[in-house]
Amino acid sequence: MENGQKVHDAKTWYNKRRPEVLHLFEENVYGRRPGAPKDMHFEVFDLEKNALGGKAIRKQVTVYFSAKKDGPKEDILIYLPANAKKPVPLILSLNFSGNHRIINDPGIKLATVWDRKEKTRSRAAEDTRGISKWPVEKLLEHGIGLATIYYCDVEPDFIGGMQYGVRPLFFKPGQTEPAPDEWGAIGAWGWGLSRAMDYIETDKQIDAKRVAILGQSRLGKTVLWAGAADTRFAMVLAINSGEGGASLARRNFGETVKHMNINFPYQFCTNYQKWGDHVDQMPVDTHELIALIAPRFVYLATAEQDLWSDP
């Protein structure tokens, strides 16, 4: 522990040392994130009990992050097995391109998607439905539900995207930028998963004690941090999360902390900039991030030949 005391048992780790390590990640990597806003509310705008040819119940829920319906919000698309006799386990995943792309279902609301290069937003085209081809029906056959959120609903993924997302909702009067130890975009995206979990806990058809979060690449980083910060998630499934995710920073191989600082500074707290040239002095590394999820489950999928991500 920070006072030099050795940790000899799980209870001391979980109640005393774990909060210390979590704080170090908040202060030096991802930034502090707030809790749920007091005016947050949910609206189930779609309920189809005979979706996907009778295989699924489809729900679509808007989470409004403030009292204003034209303010920041996220849409959750949920599929549950139609024949379930009791609350089902769920995989909750952020997606890159809009909820409508995961399966060809005309009932899914077309997302309003961001163009990262042009920094503009527009309604997705009808012919983009289902082109990502997620294995929704296979999950349903195994009695598992799926929920997904377009991550740019929470905050667009580019420098300057913060102004269009949720973080300014928490600024103090006169504040225009996060404090050095306040959340970056990864913190915001993971916070969006926690707000979805707030809804899930109200849905009696879902077993809120068995919710796994899934993300790939920068969203793999996101689910690792979200799972560390929010102990309600029973499992973390992180795919090719790379630097700032499961890759060890001190190995300094492939993509590095310095690369992240240069290319994606908005994804982390400003204090993370300190460590680009001084990784050896950074007070945490990612084996500790993964340890923060214990005793819950973690699954890491890392492509063997993706050397940039240091498998």
C-alpha atoms as a PDB file:
ATOM      1  CA  MET A   1       0.000   0.000   0.000  1.00  0.00           C
ATOM      2  CA  GLU A   2       1.048   3.652  -0.290  1.00  0.00           C
ATOM      3  CA  ASN A   3       1.997   3.669   3.397  1.00  0.00           C
ATOM      4  CA  GLY A   4       4.324   0.684   2.883  1.00  0.00           C
ATOM      5  CA  GLN A   5       2.040  -1.890   4.504  1.00  0.00           C
ATOM      6  CA  LYS A   6       1.983  -5.235   2.695  1.00  0.00           C
ATOM      7  CA  VAL A   7      -1.306  -6.629   1.436  1.00  0.00           C
ATOM      8  CA  HIS A   8      -1.797 -10.201   2.661  1.00  0.00           C
ATOM      9  CA  ASP A   9      -5.439 -10.926   1.836  1.00  0.00           C
ATOM     10  CA  ALA A  10      -8.125 -10.214  -0.741  1.00  0.00           C
ATOM     11  CA  LYS A  11     -10.244  -8.124   1.620  1.00  0.00           C
ATOM     12  CA  THR A  12      -7.423  -5.650   2.262  1.00  0.00           C
ATOM     13  CA  TRP A  13      -6.665  -5.532  -1.454  1.00  0.00           C
ATOM     14  CA  TYR A  14     -10.249  -4.866  -2.419  1.00  0.00           C
ATOM     15  CA  ASN A  15     -11.137  -2.374   0.312  1.00  0.00           C
ATOM     16  CA  LYS A  16      -7.848  -0.504   0.737  1.00  0.00           C
ATOM     17  CA  ARG A  17      -5.197  -1.098  -1.940  1.00  0.00           C
ATOM     18  CA  ARG A  18      -7.569  -1.320  -4.910  1.00  0.00           C
ATOM     19  CA  PRO A  19      -8.956   2.222  -4.335  1.00  0.00           C
ATOM     20  CA  GLU A  20      -5.379   3.533  -4.200  1.00  0.00           C
ATOM     21  CA  VAL A  21      -4.501   1.957  -7.567  1.00  0.00           C
ATOM     22  CA  LEU A  22      -7.785   3.111  -9.089  1.00  0.00           C
ATOM     23  CA  HIS A  23      -6.996   6.666  -7.978  1.00  0.00           C
ATOM     24  CA  LEU A  24      -3.554   6.487  -9.625  1.00  0.00           C
ATOM     25  CA  PHE A  25      -5.175   5.564 -12.940  1.00  0.00           C
ATOM     26  CA  GLU A  26      -7.681   8.393 -12.542  1.00  0.00           C
ATOM     27  CA  GLU A  27      -4.966  10.904 -11.772  1.00  0.00           C
ATOM     28  CA  ASN A  28      -2.404   9.822 -14.369  1.00  0.00           C
ATOM     29  CA  VAL A  29      -4.109   8.030 -17.281  1.00  0.00           C
ATOM     30  CA  TYR A  30      -7.870   8.221 -17.831  1.00  0.00           C
ATOM     31  CA  GLY A  31      -8.999  11.006 -15.507  1.00  0.00           C
ATOM     32  CA  ARG A  32     -11.741  11.185 -12.894  1.00  0.00           C
ATOM     33  CA  ARG A  33     -15.266  10.568 -14.155  1.00  0.00           C
ATOM     34  CA  PRO A  34     -18.488  11.740 -12.502  1.00  0.00           C
ATOM     35  CA  GLY A  35     -21.483   9.668 -11.496  1.00  0.00           C
ATOM     36  CA  ALA A  36     -24.921   9.739 -13.099  1.00  0.00           C
ATOM     37  CA  PRO A  37     -26.431  13.204 -13.662  1.00  0.00           C
ATOM     38  CA  LYS A  38     -29.381  13.980 -11.402  1.00  0.00           C
ATOM     39  CA  ASP A  39     -31.673  14.796 -14.357  1.00  0.00           C
ATOM     40  CA  MET A  40     -30.789  11.678 -16.377  1.00  0.00           C
ATOM     41  CA  HIS A  41     -33.832   9.748 -17.585  1.00  0.00           C
ATOM     42  CA  PHE A  42     -34.733   6.860 -19.900  1.00  0.00           C
ATOM     43  CA  GLU A  43     -37.274   6.490 -22.682  1.00  0.00           C
ATOM     44  CA  VAL A  44     -38.092   3.124 -24.273  1.00  0.00           C
ATOM     45  CA  PHE A  45     -39.116   4.269 -27.752  1.00  0.00           C
ATOM     46  CA  ASP A  46     -39.336   0.838 -29.385  1.00  0.00           C
ATOM     47  CA  LEU A  47     -40.545  -2.529 -28.115  1.00  0.00           C
ATOM     48  CA  GLU A  48     -40.961  -5.331 -30.658  1.00  0.00           C
ATOM     49  CA  LYS A  49     -41.808  -8.728 -29.152  1.00  0.00           C
ATOM     50  CA  ASN A  50     -41.567 -10.587 -32.457  1.00  0.00           C
ATOM     51  CA  ALA A  51     -38.249  -9.340 -33.891  1.00  0.00           C
ATOM     52  CA  LEU A  52     -35.914 -11.318 -36.158  1.00  0.00           C
ATOM     53  CA  GLY A  53     -38.643 -13.691 -37.278  1.00  0.00           C
ATOM     54  CA  GLY A  54     -39.841 -14.351 -33.746  1.00  0.00           C
ATOM     55  CA  LYS A  55     -36.397 -15.155 -32.313  1.00  0.00           C
ATOM     56  CA  ALA A  56     -35.964 -11.951 -30.344  1.00  0.00           C
ATOM     57  CA  ILE A  57     -37.484  -9.194 -28.319  1.00  0.00           C
ATOM     58  CA  ARG A  58     -36.090  -5.890 -29.589  1.00  0.00           C
ATOM     59  CA  LYS A  59     -35.941  -2.796 -27.431  1.00  0.00           C
ATOM     60  CA  GLN A  60     -34.540   0.628 -28.198  1.00  0.00           C
ATOM     61  CA  VAL A  61     -33.934   2.995 -25.314  1.00  0.00           C
ATOM     62  CA  THR A  62     -32.748   6.587 -25.232  1.00  0.00           C
ATOM     63  CA  VAL A  63     -30.726   7.602 -22.188  1.00  0.00           C
ATOM     64  CA  TYR A  64     -31.026  11.368 -21.811  1.00  0.00           C
ATOM     65  CA  PHE A  65     -28.062  12.686 -19.822  1.00  0.00           C
ATOM     66  CA  SER A  66     -29.917  15.840 -18.758  1.00  0.00           C
ATOM     67  CA  ALA A  67     -33.475  17.149 -18.491  1.00  0.00           C
ATOM     68  CA  LYS A  68     -33.164  18.514 -22.042  1.00  0.00           C
ATOM     69  CA  LYS A  69     -34.186  16.126 -24.814  1.00  0.00           C
ATOM     70  CA  ASP A  70     -32.003  18.038 -27.288  1.00  0.00           C
ATOM     71  CA  GLY A  71     -28.958  17.662 -24.993  1.00  0.00           C
ATOM     72  CA  PRO A  72     -26.396  14.827 -24.902  1.00  0.00           C
ATOM     73  CA  LYS A  73     -27.940  11.346 -25.045  1.00  0.00           C
ATOM     74  CA  GLU A  74     -27.305   7.792 -26.193  1.00  0.00           C
ATOM     75  CA  ASP A  75     -29.494   5.184 -27.887  1.00  0.00           C
ATOM     76  CA  ILE A  76     -29.253   1.579 -26.676  1.00  0.00           C
ATOM     77  CA  LEU A  77     -30.313  -1.218 -29.034  1.00  0.00           C
ATOM     78  CA  ILE A  78     -31.199  -4.402 -27.143  1.00  0.00           C
ATOM     79  CA  TYR A  79     -32.008  -7.919 -28.377  1.00  0.00           C
ATOM     80  CA  LEU A  80     -33.193 -10.559 -25.901  1.00  0.00           C
ATOM     81  CA  PRO A  81     -34.093 -14.227 -26.573  1.00  0.00           C
ATOM     82  CA  ALA A  82     -37.830 -14.362 -27.223  1.00  0.00           C
ATOM     83  CA  ASN A  83     -38.344 -17.671 -25.414  1.00  0.00           C
ATOM     84  CA  ALA A  84     -36.474 -16.828 -22.188  1.00  0.00           C
ATOM     85  CA  LYS A  85     -38.221 -17.940 -19.007  1.00  0.00           C
ATOM     86  CA  LYS A  86     -36.053 -15.871 -16.639  1.00  0.00           C
ATOM     87  CA  PRO A  87     -33.767 -12.811 -16.778  1.00  0.00           C
ATOM     88  CA  VAL A  88     -30.957 -13.360 -19.294  1.00  0.00           C
ATOM     89  CA  PRO A  89     -27.238 -12.546 -19.255  1.00  0.00           C
ATOM     90  CA  LEU A  90     -26.207  -9.757 -21.600  1.00  0.00           C
ATOM     91  CA  ILE A  91     -23.229  -8.626 -23.647  1.00  0.00           C
ATOM     92  CA  LEU A  92     -23.126  -4.826 -23.737  1.00  0.00           C
ATOM     93  CA  SER A  93     -20.916  -3.407 -26.482  1.00  0.00           C
ATOM     94  CA  LEU A  94     -20.018  -0.043 -27.910  1.00  0.00           C
ATOM     95  CA  ASN A  95     -19.980   0.048 -31.719  1.00  0.00           C
ATOM     96  CA  PHE A  96     -18.069   2.223 -34.169  1.00  0.00           C
ATOM     97  CA  SER A  97     -20.610   2.973 -36.878  1.00  0.00           C
ATOM     98  CA  GLY A  98     -24.187   3.034 -35.579  1.00  0.00           C
ATOM     99  CA  ASN A  99     -26.610   0.545 -34.053  1.00  0.00           C
ATOM    100  CA  HIS A 100     -28.338  -0.082 -37.388  1.00  0.00           C
ATOM    101  CA  ARG A 101     -25.210  -1.640 -38.884  1.00  0.00           C
ATOM    102  CA  ILE A 102     -24.982  -4.678 -36.603  1.00  0.00           C
ATOM    103  CA  ILE A 103     -27.862  -6.598 -38.207  1.00  0.00           C
ATOM    104  CA  ASN A 104     -30.234  -6.070 -41.113  1.00  0.00           C
ATOM    105  CA  ASP A 105     -33.382  -5.181 -39.192  1.00  0.00           C
ATOM    106  CA  PRO A 106     -35.585  -2.425 -40.678  1.00  0.00           C
ATOM    107  CA  GLY A 107     -36.941  -1.647 -37.216  1.00  0.00           C
ATOM    108  CA  ILE A 108     -33.636  -0.272 -35.929  1.00  0.00           C
ATOM    109  CA  LYS A 109     -33.428   3.510 -35.785  1.00  0.00           C
ATOM    110  CA  LEU A 110     -30.866   4.797 -38.293  1.00  0.00           C
ATOM    111  CA  ALA A 111     -28.011   6.440 -36.414  1.00  0.00           C
ATOM    112  CA  THR A 112     -26.828   9.977 -36.937  1.00  0.00           C
ATOM    113  CA  VAL A 113     -23.133   9.284 -37.490  1.00  0.00           C
ATOM    114  CA  TRP A 114     -20.015  11.422 -37.315  1.00  0.00           C
ATOM    115  CA  ASP A 115     -17.411  11.717 -40.080  1.00  0.00           C
ATOM    116  CA  ARG A 116     -14.138  11.872 -38.137  1.00  0.00           C
ATOM    117  CA  LYS A 117     -12.191  13.542 -40.957  1.00  0.00           C
ATOM    118  CA  GLU A 118     -14.796  16.139 -41.884  1.00  0.00           C
ATOM    119  CA  LYS A 119     -16.058  16.539 -38.292  1.00  0.00           C
ATOM    120  CA  THR A 120     -19.633  16.597 -39.539  1.00  0.00           C
ATOM    121  CA  ARG A 121     -22.699  14.561 -38.617  1.00  0.00           C
ATOM    122  CA  SER A 122     -25.417  13.141 -40.851  1.00  0.00           C
ATOM    123  CA  ARG A 123     -28.170  10.520 -40.857  1.00  0.00           C
ATOM    124  CA  ALA A 124     -26.882   7.113 -41.993  1.00  0.00           C
ATOM    125  CA  ALA A 125     -28.007   5.755 -45.341  1.00  0.00           C
ATOM    126  CA  GLU A 126     -30.655   3.019 -45.492  1.00  0.00           C
ATOM    127  CA  ASP A 127     -28.314   0.704 -47.430  1.00  0.00           C
ATOM    128  CA  THR A 128     -25.851   0.582 -44.514  1.00  0.00           C
ATOM    129  CA  ARG A 129     -28.163  -1.588 -42.407  1.00  0.00           C
ATOM    130  CA  GLY A 130     -26.546  -4.843 -41.307  1.00  0.00           C
ATOM    131  CA  ILE A 131     -23.236  -4.407 -43.105  1.00  0.00           C
ATOM    132  CA  SER A 132     -21.189  -5.120 -39.956  1.00  0.00           C
ATOM    133  CA  LYS A 133     -22.935  -8.513 -39.508  1.00  0.00           C
ATOM    134  CA  TRP A 134     -22.718  -9.133 -35.773  1.00  0.00           C
ATOM    135  CA  PRO A 135     -23.637 -12.722 -34.672  1.00  0.00           C
ATOM    136  CA  VAL A 136     -26.808 -11.609 -32.908  1.00  0.00           C
ATOM    137  CA  GLU A 137     -28.832 -14.745 -33.659  1.00  0.00           C
ATOM    138  CA  LYS A 138     -26.045 -17.046 -32.461  1.00  0.00           C
ATOM    139  CA  LEU A 139     -26.011 -15.280 -29.099  1.00  0.00           C
ATOM    140  CA  LEU A 140     -29.775 -15.518 -28.856  1.00  0.00           C
ATOM    141  CA  GLU A 141     -29.619 -19.268 -29.521  1.00  0.00           C
ATOM    142  CA  HIS A 142     -27.343 -19.585 -26.483  1.00  0.00           C
ATOM    143  CA  GLY A 143     -29.758 -17.647 -24.309  1.00  0.00           C
ATOM    144  CA  ILE A 144     -27.640 -14.496 -24.236  1.00  0.00           C
ATOM    145  CA  GLY A 145     -28.880 -10.993 -24.958  1.00  0.00           C
ATOM    146  CA  LEU A 146     -26.993  -8.259 -26.777  1.00  0.00           C
ATOM    147  CA  ALA A 147     -27.077  -4.506 -26.267  1.00  0.00           C
ATOM    148  CA  THR A 148     -25.083  -1.936 -28.205  1.00  0.00           C
ATOM    149  CA  ILE A 149     -24.479   1.810 -28.303  1.00  0.00           C
ATOM    150  CA  TYR A 150     -22.890   3.978 -30.996  1.00  0.00           C
ATOM    151  CA  TYR A 151     -19.911   5.356 -29.073  1.00  0.00           C
ATOM    152  CA  CYS A 152     -19.995   8.777 -30.745  1.00  0.00           C
ATOM    153  CA  ASP A 153     -23.431   9.334 -29.203  1.00  0.00           C
ATOM    154  CA  VAL A 154     -21.491   9.927 -25.979  1.00  0.00           C
ATOM    155  CA  GLU A 155     -18.657  11.913 -27.550  1.00  0.00           C
ATOM    156  CA  PRO A 156     -17.396  12.171 -31.154  1.00  0.00           C
ATOM    157  CA  ASP A 157     -13.980  10.615 -31.710  1.00  0.00           C
ATOM    158  CA  PHE A 158     -11.709  13.454 -32.833  1.00  0.00           C
ATOM    159  CA  ILE A 159      -9.773  16.391 -31.412  1.00  0.00           C
ATOM    160  CA  GLY A 160     -12.370  19.025 -30.598  1.00  0.00           C
ATOM    161  CA  GLY A 161     -15.162  16.450 -30.395  1.00  0.00           C
ATOM    162  CA  MET A 162     -15.567  17.103 -26.689  1.00  0.00           C
ATOM    163  CA  GLN A 163     -17.727  20.168 -27.345  1.00  0.00           C
ATOM    164  CA  TYR A 164     -20.379  17.927 -28.962  1.00  0.00           C
ATOM    165  CA  GLY A 165     -20.367  15.295 -26.207  1.00  0.00           C
ATOM    166  CA  VAL A 166     -21.224  14.783 -22.582  1.00  0.00           C
ATOM    167  CA  ARG A 167     -18.180  16.224 -20.824  1.00  0.00           C
ATOM    168  CA  PRO A 168     -19.186  19.932 -20.979  1.00  0.00           C
ATOM    169  CA  LEU A 169     -22.372  18.972 -19.130  1.00  0.00           C
ATOM    170  CA  PHE A 170     -20.209  18.707 -16.007  1.00  0.00           C
ATOM    171  CA  PHE A 171     -18.121  21.865 -16.416  1.00  0.00           C
ATOM    172  CA  LYS A 172     -18.145  24.334 -13.555  1.00  0.00           C
ATOM    173  CA  PRO A 173     -19.103  27.968 -14.331  1.00  0.00           C
ATOM    174  CA  GLY A 174     -16.408  29.464 -16.567  1.00  0.00           C
ATOM    175  CA  GLN A 175     -14.744  26.104 -17.273  1.00  0.00           C
ATOM    176  CA  THR A 176     -13.961  25.340 -20.943  1.00  0.00           C
ATOM    177  CA  GLU A 177     -11.513  22.418 -20.654  1.00  0.00           C
ATOM    178  CA  PRO A 178     -11.274  19.435 -18.307  1.00  0.00           C
ATOM    179  CA  ALA A 179      -8.914  19.771 -15.349  1.00  0.00           C
ATOM    180  CA  PRO A 180      -5.598  17.871 -15.750  1.00  0.00           C
ATOM    181  CA  ASP A 181      -6.981  14.905 -13.778  1.00  0.00           C
ATOM    182  CA  GLU A 182     -10.484  14.912 -15.290  1.00  0.00           C
ATOM    183  CA  TRP A 183     -11.753  12.414 -17.841  1.00  0.00           C
ATOM    184  CA  GLY A 184     -10.770  12.140 -21.474  1.00  0.00           C
ATOM    185  CA  ALA A 185     -12.840  10.568 -24.247  1.00  0.00           C
ATOM    186  CA  ILE A 186     -12.107   6.992 -23.116  1.00  0.00           C
ATOM    187  CA  GLY A 187     -13.464   7.906 -19.707  1.00  0.00           C
ATOM    188  CA  ALA A 188     -16.543   9.433 -21.353  1.00  0.00           C
ATOM    189  CA  TRP A 189     -17.229   6.404 -23.565  1.00  0.00           C
ATOM    190  CA  GLY A 190     -16.907   4.072 -20.570  1.00  0.00           C
ATOM    191  CA  TRP A 191     -19.167   6.381 -18.563  1.00  0.00           C
ATOM    192  CA  GLY A 192     -21.765   5.871 -21.319  1.00  0.00           C
ATOM    193  CA  LEU A 193     -21.626   2.114 -20.633  1.00  0.00           C
ATOM    194  CA  SER A 194     -22.265   2.774 -16.952  1.00  0.00           C
ATOM    195  CA  ARG A 195     -25.293   4.898 -17.798  1.00  0.00           C
ATOM    196  CA  ALA A 196     -26.588   2.035 -19.945  1.00  0.00           C
ATOM    197  CA  MET A 197     -26.079  -0.195 -16.924  1.00  0.00           C
ATOM    198  CA  ASP A 198     -28.247   2.202 -14.923  1.00  0.00           C
ATOM    199  CA  TYR A 199     -31.065   1.417 -17.363  1.00  0.00           C
ATOM    200  CA  ILE A 200     -30.292  -2.330 -17.426  1.00  0.00           C
ATOM    201  CA  GLU A 201     -30.753  -2.496 -13.662  1.00  0.00           C
ATOM    202  CA  THR A 202     -34.363  -1.377 -14.201  1.00  0.00           C
ATOM    203  CA  ASP A 203     -35.114  -3.983 -16.904  1.00  0.00           C
ATOM    204  CA  LYS A 204     -36.559  -7.119 -15.309  1.00  0.00           C
ATOM    205  CA  GLN A 205     -35.861  -9.217 -18.438  1.00  0.00           C
ATOM    206  CA  ILE A 206     -32.083  -8.771 -18.048  1.00  0.00           C
ATOM    207  CA  ASP A 207     -29.911 -10.315 -15.325  1.00  0.00           C
ATOM    208  CA  ALA A 208     -27.974  -7.215 -14.251  1.00  0.00           C
ATOM    209  CA  LYS A 209     -25.552  -9.399 -12.259  1.00  0.00           C
ATOM    210  CA  ARG A 210     -24.385 -11.055 -15.491  1.00  0.00           C
ATOM    211  CA  VAL A 211     -23.514  -8.220 -17.857  1.00  0.00           C
ATOM    212  CA  ALA A 212     -20.279  -8.400 -19.849  1.00  0.00           C
ATOM    213  CA  ILE A 213     -18.862  -5.367 -21.669  1.00  0.00           C
ATOM    214  CA  LEU A 214     -17.166  -5.812 -25.038  1.00  0.00           C
ATOM    215  CA  GLY A 215     -14.980  -3.450 -27.063  1.00  0.00           C
ATOM    216  CA  GLN A 216     -12.330  -3.538 -29.765  1.00  0.00           C
ATOM    217  CA  SER A 217      -9.246  -1.300 -30.306  1.00  0.00           C
ATOM    218  CA  ARG A 218      -9.858   2.053 -28.588  1.00  0.00           C
ATOM    219  CA  LEU A 219     -13.120   0.616 -27.349  1.00  0.00           C
ATOM    220  CA  GLY A 220     -11.091  -2.279 -25.925  1.00  0.00           C
ATOM    221  CA  LYS A 221      -9.219   0.316 -23.869  1.00  0.00           C
ATOM    222  CA  THR A 222     -12.583   1.772 -22.940  1.00  0.00           C
ATOM    223  CA  VAL A 223     -14.077  -1.452 -21.582  1.00  0.00           C
ATOM    224  CA  LEU A 224     -10.969  -2.226 -19.531  1.00  0.00           C
ATOM    225  CA  TRP A 225     -11.207   1.153 -17.838  1.00  0.00           C
ATOM    226  CA  ALA A 226     -15.003   0.972 -17.528  1.00  0.00           C
ATOM    227  CA  GLY A 227     -14.741  -2.474 -15.930  1.00  0.00           C
ATOM    228  CA  ALA A 228     -12.117  -1.235 -13.497  1.00  0.00           C
ATOM    229  CA  ALA A 229     -14.127   1.850 -12.560  1.00  0.00           C
ATOM    230  CA  ASP A 230     -17.590   0.250 -12.360  1.00  0.00           C
ATOM    231  CA  THR A 231     -17.711  -3.027 -10.446  1.00  0.00           C
ATOM    232  CA  ARG A 232     -21.274  -3.776 -11.581  1.00  0.00           C
ATOM    233  CA  PHE A 233     -19.926  -5.285 -14.807  1.00  0.00           C
ATOM    234  CA  ALA A 234     -19.424  -9.019 -14.315  1.00  0.00           C
ATOM    235  CA  MET A 235     -16.967  -9.522 -17.179  1.00  0.00           C
ATOM    236  CA  VAL A 236     -14.729  -7.501 -19.504  1.00  0.00           C
ATOM    237  CA  LEU A 237     -14.065  -8.666 -23.088  1.00  0.00           C
ATOM    238  CA  ALA A 238     -11.271  -6.507 -24.567  1.00  0.00           C
ATOM    239  CA  ILE A 239     -10.141  -7.087 -28.154  1.00  0.00           C
ATOM    240  CA  ASN A 240      -6.829  -5.697 -29.508  1.00  0.00           C
ATOM    241  CA  SER A 241      -6.855  -2.947 -26.884  1.00  0.00           C
ATOM    242  CA  GLY A 242      -3.176  -2.077 -27.433  1.00  0.00           C
ATOM    243  CA  GLU A 243      -1.369   0.828 -25.786  1.00  0.00           C
ATOM    244  CA  GLY A 244      -3.500   2.492 -23.157  1.00  0.00           C
ATOM    245  CA  GLY A 245      -5.301  -0.838 -22.893  1.00  0.00           C
ATOM    246  CA  ALA A 246      -3.805  -4.258 -22.092  1.00  0.00           C
ATOM    247  CA  SER A 247      -0.322  -3.682 -23.585  1.00  0.00           C
ATOM    248  CA  LEU A 248       2.372  -2.980 -21.015  1.00  0.00           C
ATOM    249  CA  ALA A 249       3.523   0.644 -21.283  1.00  0.00           C
ATOM    250  CA  ARG A 250       6.998  -0.022 -19.868  1.00  0.00           C
ATOM    251  CA  ARG A 251       7.756  -2.548 -22.611  1.00  0.00           C
ATOM    252  CA  ASN A 252       7.762   0.486 -24.936  1.00  0.00           C
ATOM    253  CA  PHE A 253       7.125  -1.725 -27.963  1.00  0.00           C
ATOM    254  CA  GLY A 254       4.984  -0.891 -31.000  1.00  0.00           C
ATOM    255  CA  GLU A 255       2.547   1.891 -30.174  1.00  0.00           C
ATOM    256  CA  THR A 256       3.764   3.761 -27.090  1.00  0.00           C
ATOM    257  CA  VAL A 257       2.477   6.234 -24.522  1.00  0.00           C
ATOM    258  CA  LYS A 258       4.212   8.965 -26.518  1.00  0.00           C
ATOM    259  CA  HIS A 259       2.352   7.920 -29.681  1.00  0.00           C
ATOM    260  CA  MET A 260      -0.924   8.097 -27.758  1.00  0.00           C
ATOM    261  CA  ASN A 261      -0.026  11.555 -26.421  1.00  0.00           C
ATOM    262  CA  ILE A 262       0.704  12.858 -29.921  1.00  0.00           C
ATOM    263  CA  ASN A 263      -2.081  11.185 -31.895  1.00  0.00           C
ATOM    264  CA  PHE A 264      -4.928  10.830 -29.385  1.00  0.00           C
ATOM    265  CA  PRO A 265      -4.376  13.329 -26.552  1.00  0.00           C
ATOM    266  CA  TYR A 266      -8.123  13.893 -26.141  1.00  0.00           C
ATOM    267  CA  GLN A 267      -8.703  10.242 -25.214  1.00  0.00           C
ATOM    268  CA  PHE A 268      -6.837  10.516 -21.902  1.00  0.00           C
ATOM    269  CA  CYS A 269      -6.536  13.029 -19.086  1.00  0.00           C
ATOM    270  CA  THR A 270      -4.055  15.856 -19.596  1.00  0.00           C
ATOM    271  CA  ASN A 271      -1.761  14.454 -16.873  1.00  0.00           C
ATOM    272  CA  TYR A 272      -1.056  11.466 -19.165  1.00  0.00           C
ATOM    273  CA  GLN A 273       1.082  13.828 -21.254  1.00  0.00           C
ATOM    274  CA  LYS A 274       3.713  13.777 -18.487  1.00  0.00           C
ATOM    275  CA  TRP A 275       4.680  10.191 -19.168  1.00  0.00           C
ATOM    276  CA  GLY A 276       5.416  10.110 -22.924  1.00  0.00           C
ATOM    277  CA  ASP A 277       9.168  10.525 -22.388  1.00  0.00           C
ATOM    278  CA  HIS A 278       9.171   9.089 -18.859  1.00  0.00           C
ATOM    279  CA  VAL A 279       7.246   5.814 -19.017  1.00  0.00           C
ATOM    280  CA  ASP A 280       9.612   4.318 -16.436  1.00  0.00           C
ATOM    281  CA  GLN A 281       8.367   6.923 -13.928  1.00  0.00           C
ATOM    282  CA  MET A 282       4.645   6.385 -14.550  1.00  0.00           C
ATOM    283  CA  PRO A 283       3.175   5.218 -11.220  1.00  0.00           C
ATOM    284  CA  VAL A 284       0.975   2.504 -12.794  1.00  0.00           C
ATOM    285  CA  ASP A 285       1.055   0.033 -15.667  1.00  0.00           C
ATOM    286  CA  THR A 286      -1.604  -2.059 -17.285  1.00  0.00           C
ATOM    287  CA  HIS A 287      -1.132  -5.307 -15.372  1.00  0.00           C
ATOM    288  CA  GLU A 288      -2.569  -3.240 -12.505  1.00  0.00           C
ATOM    289  CA  LEU A 289      -5.466  -2.037 -14.672  1.00  0.00           C
ATOM    290  CA  ILE A 290      -6.406  -5.647 -15.392  1.00  0.00           C
ATOM    291  CA  ALA A 291      -5.975  -6.523 -11.703  1.00  0.00           C
ATOM    292  CA  LEU A 292      -8.536  -3.854 -10.776  1.00  0.00           C
ATOM    293  CA  ILE A 293     -11.204  -6.027 -12.421  1.00  0.00           C
ATOM    294  CA  ALA A 294     -10.515  -8.984 -10.070  1.00  0.00           C
ATOM    295  CA  PRO A 295     -12.253 -11.052  -8.848  1.00  0.00           C
ATOM    296  CA  ARG A 296     -14.500 -10.589 -11.886  1.00  0.00           C
ATOM    297  CA  PHE A 297     -13.651 -12.123 -15.262  1.00  0.00           C
ATOM    298  CA  VAL A 298     -11.421 -10.645 -17.975  1.00  0.00           C
ATOM    299  CA  TYR A 299     -10.889 -11.987 -21.480  1.00  0.00           C
ATOM    300  CA  LEU A 300      -8.201 -10.479 -23.710  1.00  0.00           C
ATOM    301  CA  ALA A 301      -8.174 -11.203 -27.441  1.00  0.00           C
ATOM    302  CA  THR A 302      -4.998  -9.945 -29.119  1.00  0.00           C
ATOM    303  CA  ALA A 303      -4.092 -10.677 -32.740  1.00  0.00           C
ATOM    304  CA  GLU A 304      -0.766 -12.538 -32.881  1.00  0.00           C
ATOM    305  CA  GLN A 305       0.618 -10.555 -35.812  1.00  0.00           C
ATOM    306  CA  ASP A 306      -0.594  -7.124 -34.725  1.00  0.00           C
ATOM    307  CA  LEU A 307       2.852  -6.043 -33.544  1.00  0.00           C
ATOM    308  CA  TRP A 308       1.766  -2.389 -33.262  1.00  0.00           C
ATOM    309  CA  SER A 309      -0.500  -3.525 -30.418  1.00  0.00           C
ATOM    310  CA  ASP A 310       2.203  -5.744 -28.895  1.00  0.00           C
ATOM    311  CA  PRO A 311       0.368  -9.072 -28.524  1.00  0.00           C
END
